[in-house]
Every structure is written in structure tokens, then in C-alpha cells.
């Protein structure tokens, strides 16, 4: 079994935290893991993209070829669309519906929403609003990970929850509980 995932967003949105949680869970599960360097500007406001490949078999390349991604997890809807050429025809897009307008000619949101809705498998939710609803505005990325958990498949939601505990443990029990709450909220928001 394998799962090829593209993570995308804008610097400062927490894409690297999502990659760290998934990577930790994969390592503990004994999976083979390859992660490409982050492409783009990882500083706040620049586009960020990473390839994350998980498998029960040896992986030889850390890059996902066009048409090869099983899953795109994106903190920003236009960034999700940017990587559609890499999505497998049966792949899934999980994205925030909130735009991060970091360029002057940002496309009309209605057109982005239409394109996302036209995909065979996509989930788009207002994760920033969801994070505010549960009083965890800095945990939108973990809500997004919860939304994607059912689609990762090679790792169970419980393995991801355990990884959240390990990753956030050095920051204290309150941080662990907040992020578990955010993950569960995202998980339960997707049918």
C-alpha cells in the first residue's frame, strides 16, 4: 500500500506542522517515508509545497510525478488548484475554502469554488471559521489534517492522534488537548 500526498499553502499557515505529524505517525508505524524539500518561499506569505510519500514498500523517489498524487491537502484553495496536474484522476483534494490573497491578481473566489466543486473528490470547508468557533484560531491546520485523516488510509486517525500527542507534548498538556480537539473537530466535519 502507498499514499502520495501533496501539502500546499502559504508560509506561516502550518503546512510543515501537518507534514511533521504525518511523518511522525508513519515512522512509528514502520512505513517507508520520503519527503521532498519544501518548494517556494517558506517565509510568511510565500507559497509552500511539499511532497510526502508513504508506503509499505521501498520508495525510491521523493517527488510525486504528474497524475500520481492520491491526495492534496491544502491550507489555501488557489494553492490546491495549482497542484491539480499532480492529482491522480481518482485522487482527493482537501482544502480550506478561505483565500489568502497574497498576490494582486488573485482569481475570483467563485471561479475557484466552481473548479473545486467540479472535481470528482473534494472537500472544502472554512477551517479558519471552524477554528474560531472552537476558540482555537491557531489550529486551523490541525482541523485540516483531521478533515484529511479518513483519506490518508495508510495511517489510521488514531495513529495521527497519537502523533499529535508526541509532537505537542513538549509544549504542555494544554497544547496537546487543544490540538486533539482541533483534529477531532475536523475529522467529525467530513462525512
C-alpha atoms as a PDB file:
ATOM      1  CA  UNK A   1       0.000   0.000   0.000  1.00  0.00           C
ATOM      2  CA  UNK A   2       1.163   3.531  -0.704  1.00  0.00           C
ATOM      3  CA  UNK A   3      -0.124   7.074  -0.350  1.00  0.00           C
ATOM      4  CA  UNK A   4       1.343  10.041  -2.201  1.00  0.00           C
ATOM      5  CA  UNK A   5       0.336  13.372  -0.679  1.00  0.00           C
ATOM      6  CA  UNK A   6       0.949  16.945  -1.774  1.00  0.00           C
ATOM      7  CA  UNK A   7       0.787  19.506   1.012  1.00  0.00           C
ATOM      8  CA  UNK A   8       0.320  23.099  -0.095  1.00  0.00           C
ATOM      9  CA  UNK A   9      -0.428  26.509   1.267  1.00  0.00           C
ATOM     10  CA  UNK A  10       1.176  29.790   2.170  1.00  0.00           C
ATOM     11  CA  UNK A  11       4.131  30.259   4.502  1.00  0.00           C
ATOM     12  CA  UNK A  12       3.009  30.627   8.123  1.00  0.00           C
ATOM     13  CA  UNK A  13      -0.176  28.554   7.759  1.00  0.00           C
ATOM     14  CA  UNK A  14       1.221  25.385   9.361  1.00  0.00           C
ATOM     15  CA  UNK A  15       1.889  23.086   6.396  1.00  0.00           C
ATOM     16  CA  UNK A  16       5.164  21.926   7.962  1.00  0.00           C
ATOM     17  CA  UNK A  17       3.330  21.009  11.170  1.00  0.00           C
ATOM     18  CA  UNK A  18       0.959  18.797   9.164  1.00  0.00           C
ATOM     19  CA  UNK A  19       3.969  17.157   7.468  1.00  0.00           C
ATOM     20  CA  UNK A  20       5.660  16.618  10.838  1.00  0.00           C
ATOM     21  CA  UNK A  21       2.578  14.934  12.341  1.00  0.00           C
ATOM     22  CA  UNK A  22       2.075  12.632   9.343  1.00  0.00           C
ATOM     23  CA  UNK A  23       5.805  11.866   9.172  1.00  0.00           C
ATOM     24  CA  UNK A  24       5.997  11.009  12.864  1.00  0.00           C
ATOM     25  CA  UNK A  25       2.978   8.703  12.608  1.00  0.00           C
ATOM     26  CA  UNK A  26       4.481   6.986   9.548  1.00  0.00           C
ATOM     27  CA  UNK A  27       7.836   6.470  11.266  1.00  0.00           C
ATOM     28  CA  UNK A  28       6.218   4.975  14.378  1.00  0.00           C
ATOM     29  CA  UNK A  29       4.084   2.716  12.133  1.00  0.00           C
ATOM     30  CA  UNK A  30       7.231   1.448  10.413  1.00  0.00           C
ATOM     31  CA  UNK A  31       6.261   2.798   6.990  1.00  0.00           C
ATOM     32  CA  UNK A  32       8.717   3.895   4.356  1.00  0.00           C
ATOM     33  CA  UNK A  33       8.653   7.674   4.094  1.00  0.00           C
ATOM     34  CA  UNK A  34      10.081  10.191   1.651  1.00  0.00           C
ATOM     35  CA  UNK A  35       9.532  13.913   1.879  1.00  0.00           C
ATOM     36  CA  UNK A  36      10.707  16.371  -0.726  1.00  0.00           C
ATOM     37  CA  UNK A  37      12.178  19.679   0.209  1.00  0.00           C
ATOM     38  CA  UNK A  38       9.618  22.399   0.660  1.00  0.00           C
ATOM     39  CA  UNK A  39       9.329  24.306  -2.607  1.00  0.00           C
ATOM     40  CA  UNK A  40       8.600  28.009  -2.687  1.00  0.00           C
ATOM     41  CA  UNK A  41       9.116  30.601  -0.015  1.00  0.00           C
ATOM     42  CA  UNK A  42       8.539  29.188   3.418  1.00  0.00           C
ATOM     43  CA  UNK A  43       8.522  32.686   4.868  1.00  0.00           C
ATOM     44  CA  UNK A  44       5.177  34.134   5.844  1.00  0.00           C
ATOM     45  CA  UNK A  45       3.101  34.930   2.758  1.00  0.00           C
ATOM     46  CA  UNK A  46       5.030  32.891   0.159  1.00  0.00           C
ATOM     47  CA  UNK A  47       3.647  29.729  -1.422  1.00  0.00           C
ATOM     48  CA  UNK A  48       4.766  26.455   0.157  1.00  0.00           C
ATOM     49  CA  UNK A  49       4.510  22.950  -1.259  1.00  0.00           C
ATOM     50  CA  UNK A  50       5.853  19.601  -0.167  1.00  0.00           C
ATOM     51  CA  UNK A  51       5.658  16.035  -1.458  1.00  0.00           C
ATOM     52  CA  UNK A  52       5.049  13.383   1.196  1.00  0.00           C
ATOM     53  CA  UNK A  53       5.242   9.743   0.115  1.00  0.00           C
ATOM     54  CA  UNK A  54       4.254   6.882   2.450  1.00  0.00           C
ATOM     55  CA  UNK A  55       4.435   3.190   1.606  1.00  0.00           C
ATOM     56  CA  UNK A  56       4.661  -0.327   2.952  1.00  0.00           C
ATOM     57  CA  UNK A  57       7.264  -0.949   0.202  1.00  0.00           C
ATOM     58  CA  UNK A  58      10.564   0.783  -0.539  1.00  0.00           C
ATOM     59  CA  UNK A  59      10.228   4.238  -2.124  1.00  0.00           C
ATOM     60  CA  UNK A  60      12.955   5.359  -4.493  1.00  0.00           C
ATOM     61  CA  UNK A  61      11.969   8.939  -5.287  1.00  0.00           C
ATOM     62  CA  UNK A  62      10.826  11.711  -3.001  1.00  0.00           C
ATOM     63  CA  UNK A  63       8.974  13.516  -5.795  1.00  0.00           C
ATOM     64  CA  UNK A  64       5.430  12.784  -6.917  1.00  0.00           C
ATOM     65  CA  UNK A  65       5.024  12.650 -10.693  1.00  0.00           C
ATOM     66  CA  UNK A  66       2.219  14.413 -12.551  1.00  0.00           C
ATOM     67  CA  UNK A  67      -1.007  12.451 -12.163  1.00  0.00           C
ATOM     68  CA  UNK A  68       0.436  10.499  -9.237  1.00  0.00           C
ATOM     69  CA  UNK A  69      -0.842  12.220  -6.084  1.00  0.00           C
ATOM     70  CA  UNK A  70      -3.550  10.389  -4.174  1.00  0.00           C
ATOM     71  CA  UNK A  71      -4.300  13.377  -2.001  1.00  0.00           C
ATOM     72  CA  UNK A  72      -3.786  17.141  -1.992  1.00  0.00           C
ATOM     73  CA  UNK A  73      -4.083  18.721   1.452  1.00  0.00           C
ATOM     74  CA  UNK A  74      -4.130  22.491   1.116  1.00  0.00           C
ATOM     75  CA  UNK A  75      -4.466  25.384   3.525  1.00  0.00           C
ATOM     76  CA  UNK A  76      -5.466  27.664   0.634  1.00  0.00           C
ATOM     77  CA  UNK A  77      -7.912  26.975  -2.237  1.00  0.00           C
ATOM     78  CA  UNK A  78      -5.907  28.527  -5.093  1.00  0.00           C
ATOM     79  CA  UNK A  79      -2.832  26.621  -3.941  1.00  0.00           C
ATOM     80  CA  UNK A  80      -4.876  23.400  -4.092  1.00  0.00           C
ATOM     81  CA  UNK A  81      -5.755  24.170  -7.712  1.00  0.00           C
ATOM     82  CA  UNK A  82      -2.138  24.977  -8.555  1.00  0.00           C
ATOM     83  CA  UNK A  83      -1.209  21.320  -7.969  1.00  0.00           C
ATOM     84  CA  UNK A  84      -4.154  19.671  -9.765  1.00  0.00           C
ATOM     85  CA  UNK A  85      -1.878  18.444 -12.598  1.00  0.00           C
ATOM     86  CA  UNK A  86      -0.255  16.194  -9.980  1.00  0.00           C
ATOM     87  CA  UNK A  87      -3.534  14.711  -8.756  1.00  0.00           C
ATOM     88  CA  UNK A  88      -4.430  11.194  -9.843  1.00  0.00           C
ATOM     89  CA  UNK A  89      -7.780  11.004 -11.685  1.00  0.00           C
ATOM     90  CA  UNK A  90      -9.256   9.257  -8.616  1.00  0.00           C
ATOM     91  CA  UNK A  91      -7.414  11.471  -6.130  1.00  0.00           C
ATOM     92  CA  UNK A  92      -8.958  13.702  -3.488  1.00  0.00           C
ATOM     93  CA  UNK A  93      -8.480  17.373  -2.631  1.00  0.00           C
ATOM     94  CA  UNK A  94      -8.978  18.511   0.968  1.00  0.00           C
ATOM     95  CA  UNK A  95      -8.722  22.283   1.288  1.00  0.00           C
ATOM     96  CA  UNK A  96      -9.644  25.367   3.198  1.00  0.00           C
ATOM     97  CA  UNK A  97     -12.272  27.453   1.438  1.00  0.00           C
ATOM     98  CA  UNK A  98     -10.727  30.710   2.724  1.00  0.00           C
ATOM     99  CA  UNK A  99      -8.488  32.546   0.275  1.00  0.00           C
ATOM    100  CA  UNK A 100      -5.172  34.018   1.345  1.00  0.00           C
ATOM    101  CA  UNK A 101      -4.874  36.858  -1.158  1.00  0.00           C
ATOM    102  CA  UNK A 102      -1.113  37.229  -1.326  1.00  0.00           C
ATOM    103  CA  UNK A 103      -0.969  38.268  -4.990  1.00  0.00           C
ATOM    104  CA  UNK A 104      -2.544  41.301  -6.703  1.00  0.00           C
ATOM    105  CA  UNK A 105      -4.316  39.274  -9.422  1.00  0.00           C
ATOM    106  CA  UNK A 106      -5.858  36.655  -7.164  1.00  0.00           C
ATOM    107  CA  UNK A 107      -8.641  34.889  -9.132  1.00  0.00           C
ATOM    108  CA  UNK A 108     -12.316  35.352  -8.293  1.00  0.00           C
ATOM    109  CA  UNK A 109     -13.246  33.089  -5.391  1.00  0.00           C
ATOM    110  CA  UNK A 110     -16.416  31.947  -7.195  1.00  0.00           C
ATOM    111  CA  UNK A 111     -14.300  30.536 -10.042  1.00  0.00           C
ATOM    112  CA  UNK A 112     -12.030  28.729  -7.594  1.00  0.00           C
ATOM    113  CA  UNK A 113     -15.054  27.302  -5.751  1.00  0.00           C
ATOM    114  CA  UNK A 114     -16.591  26.144  -9.050  1.00  0.00           C
ATOM    115  CA  UNK A 115     -13.413  24.382 -10.093  1.00  0.00           C
ATOM    116  CA  UNK A 116     -13.080  22.652  -6.723  1.00  0.00           C
ATOM    117  CA  UNK A 117     -16.745  21.618  -6.803  1.00  0.00           C
ATOM    118  CA  UNK A 118     -16.273  20.141 -10.294  1.00  0.00           C
ATOM    119  CA  UNK A 119     -13.665  17.665  -9.050  1.00  0.00           C
ATOM    120  CA  UNK A 120     -14.869  14.095  -8.508  1.00  0.00           C
ATOM    121  CA  UNK A 121     -13.470  14.005  -4.954  1.00  0.00           C
ATOM    122  CA  UNK A 122     -13.013  17.210  -2.992  1.00  0.00           C
ATOM    123  CA  UNK A 123     -13.812  18.639   0.419  1.00  0.00           C
ATOM    124  CA  UNK A 124     -13.620  22.380   1.012  1.00  0.00           C
ATOM    125  CA  UNK A 125     -14.525  23.855   4.400  1.00  0.00           C
ATOM    126  CA  UNK A 126     -13.928  27.222   6.124  1.00  0.00           C
ATOM    127  CA  UNK A 127     -11.308  25.917   8.543  1.00  0.00           C
ATOM    128  CA  UNK A 128     -10.412  29.362   9.869  1.00  0.00           C
ATOM    129  CA  UNK A 129     -14.052  29.939  10.865  1.00  0.00           C
ATOM    130  CA  UNK A 130     -14.185  26.443  12.323  1.00  0.00           C
ATOM    131  CA  UNK A 131     -11.051  27.147  14.398  1.00  0.00           C
ATOM    132  CA  UNK A 132     -12.619  30.378  15.676  1.00  0.00           C
ATOM    133  CA  UNK A 133     -15.847  28.517  16.579  1.00  0.00           C
ATOM    134  CA  UNK A 134     -13.948  26.232  18.944  1.00  0.00           C
ATOM    135  CA  UNK A 135     -11.760  29.098  20.190  1.00  0.00           C
ATOM    136  CA  UNK A 136      -8.572  27.653  18.656  1.00  0.00           C
ATOM    137  CA  UNK A 137      -7.680  30.170  15.919  1.00  0.00           C
ATOM    138  CA  UNK A 138      -4.101  28.888  15.600  1.00  0.00           C
ATOM    139  CA  UNK A 139      -5.200  25.284  14.996  1.00  0.00           C
ATOM    140  CA  UNK A 140      -6.822  25.588  11.555  1.00  0.00           C
ATOM    141  CA  UNK A 141      -4.043  23.415  10.112  1.00  0.00           C
ATOM    142  CA  UNK A 142      -4.786  20.595  12.560  1.00  0.00           C
ATOM    143  CA  UNK A 143      -8.505  20.887  11.715  1.00  0.00           C
ATOM    144  CA  UNK A 144      -7.485  20.422   8.068  1.00  0.00           C
ATOM    145  CA  UNK A 145      -5.426  17.353   8.989  1.00  0.00           C
ATOM    146  CA  UNK A 146      -8.475  15.944  10.798  1.00  0.00           C
ATOM    147  CA  UNK A 147     -10.543  16.513   7.657  1.00  0.00           C
ATOM    148  CA  UNK A 148      -7.937  14.600   5.618  1.00  0.00           C
ATOM    149  CA  UNK A 149      -7.473  11.744   8.104  1.00  0.00           C
ATOM    150  CA  UNK A 150     -10.103   9.477   6.534  1.00  0.00           C
ATOM    151  CA  UNK A 151      -8.419   9.856   3.152  1.00  0.00           C
ATOM    152  CA  UNK A 152      -4.847   9.160   4.244  1.00  0.00           C
ATOM    153  CA  UNK A 153      -5.831   5.500   4.756  1.00  0.00           C
ATOM    154  CA  UNK A 154      -2.292   4.125   5.139  1.00  0.00           C
ATOM    155  CA  UNK A 155      -2.375   5.645   8.644  1.00  0.00           C
ATOM    156  CA  UNK A 156      -5.385   5.451  10.923  1.00  0.00           C
ATOM    157  CA  UNK A 157      -6.908   8.515  12.561  1.00  0.00           C
ATOM    158  CA  UNK A 158      -5.801   7.052  15.902  1.00  0.00           C
ATOM    159  CA  UNK A 159      -2.171   6.843  14.717  1.00  0.00           C
ATOM    160  CA  UNK A 160      -2.380  10.517  13.745  1.00  0.00           C
ATOM    161  CA  UNK A 161      -3.904  11.381  17.128  1.00  0.00           C
ATOM    162  CA  UNK A 162      -1.015   9.610  18.884  1.00  0.00           C
ATOM    163  CA  UNK A 163       1.437  11.560  16.746  1.00  0.00           C
ATOM    164  CA  UNK A 164      -0.251  14.825  17.763  1.00  0.00           C
ATOM    165  CA  UNK A 165       0.291  13.822  21.387  1.00  0.00           C
ATOM    166  CA  UNK A 166       4.003  13.180  20.777  1.00  0.00           C
ATOM    167  CA  UNK A 167       4.617  16.281  18.659  1.00  0.00           C
ATOM    168  CA  UNK A 168       2.893  18.725  21.004  1.00  0.00           C
ATOM    169  CA  UNK A 169       3.874  17.086  24.335  1.00  0.00           C
ATOM    170  CA  UNK A 170       6.939  19.354  24.809  1.00  0.00           C
ATOM    171  CA  UNK A 171       4.581  22.371  24.666  1.00  0.00           C
ATOM    172  CA  UNK A 172       2.421  21.099  27.522  1.00  0.00           C
ATOM    173  CA  UNK A 173      -0.791  19.179  28.115  1.00  0.00           C
ATOM    174  CA  UNK A 174      -2.997  22.173  27.225  1.00  0.00           C
ATOM    175  CA  UNK A 175      -1.397  22.358  23.756  1.00  0.00           C
ATOM    176  CA  UNK A 176      -1.857  18.603  23.273  1.00  0.00           C
ATOM    177  CA  UNK A 177      -5.539  18.759  24.258  1.00  0.00           C
ATOM    178  CA  UNK A 178      -6.202  21.821  22.082  1.00  0.00           C
ATOM    179  CA  UNK A 179      -4.723  20.145  19.029  1.00  0.00           C
ATOM    180  CA  UNK A 180      -6.565  16.872  19.662  1.00  0.00           C
ATOM    181  CA  UNK A 181      -9.785  18.874  19.917  1.00  0.00           C
ATOM    182  CA  UNK A 182      -8.988  20.613  16.602  1.00  0.00           C
ATOM    183  CA  UNK A 183      -8.152  17.296  14.905  1.00  0.00           C
ATOM    184  CA  UNK A 184     -11.362  15.651  16.128  1.00  0.00           C
ATOM    185  CA  UNK A 185     -13.437  18.662  15.049  1.00  0.00           C
ATOM    186  CA  UNK A 186     -12.021  18.441  11.531  1.00  0.00           C
ATOM    187  CA  UNK A 187     -12.411  14.654  11.449  1.00  0.00           C
ATOM    188  CA  UNK A 188     -16.059  14.818  12.503  1.00  0.00           C
ATOM    189  CA  UNK A 189     -16.811  17.592   9.988  1.00  0.00           C
ATOM    190  CA  UNK A 190     -16.291  15.303   6.993  1.00  0.00           C
ATOM    191  CA  UNK A 191     -18.910  12.690   6.170  1.00  0.00           C
END
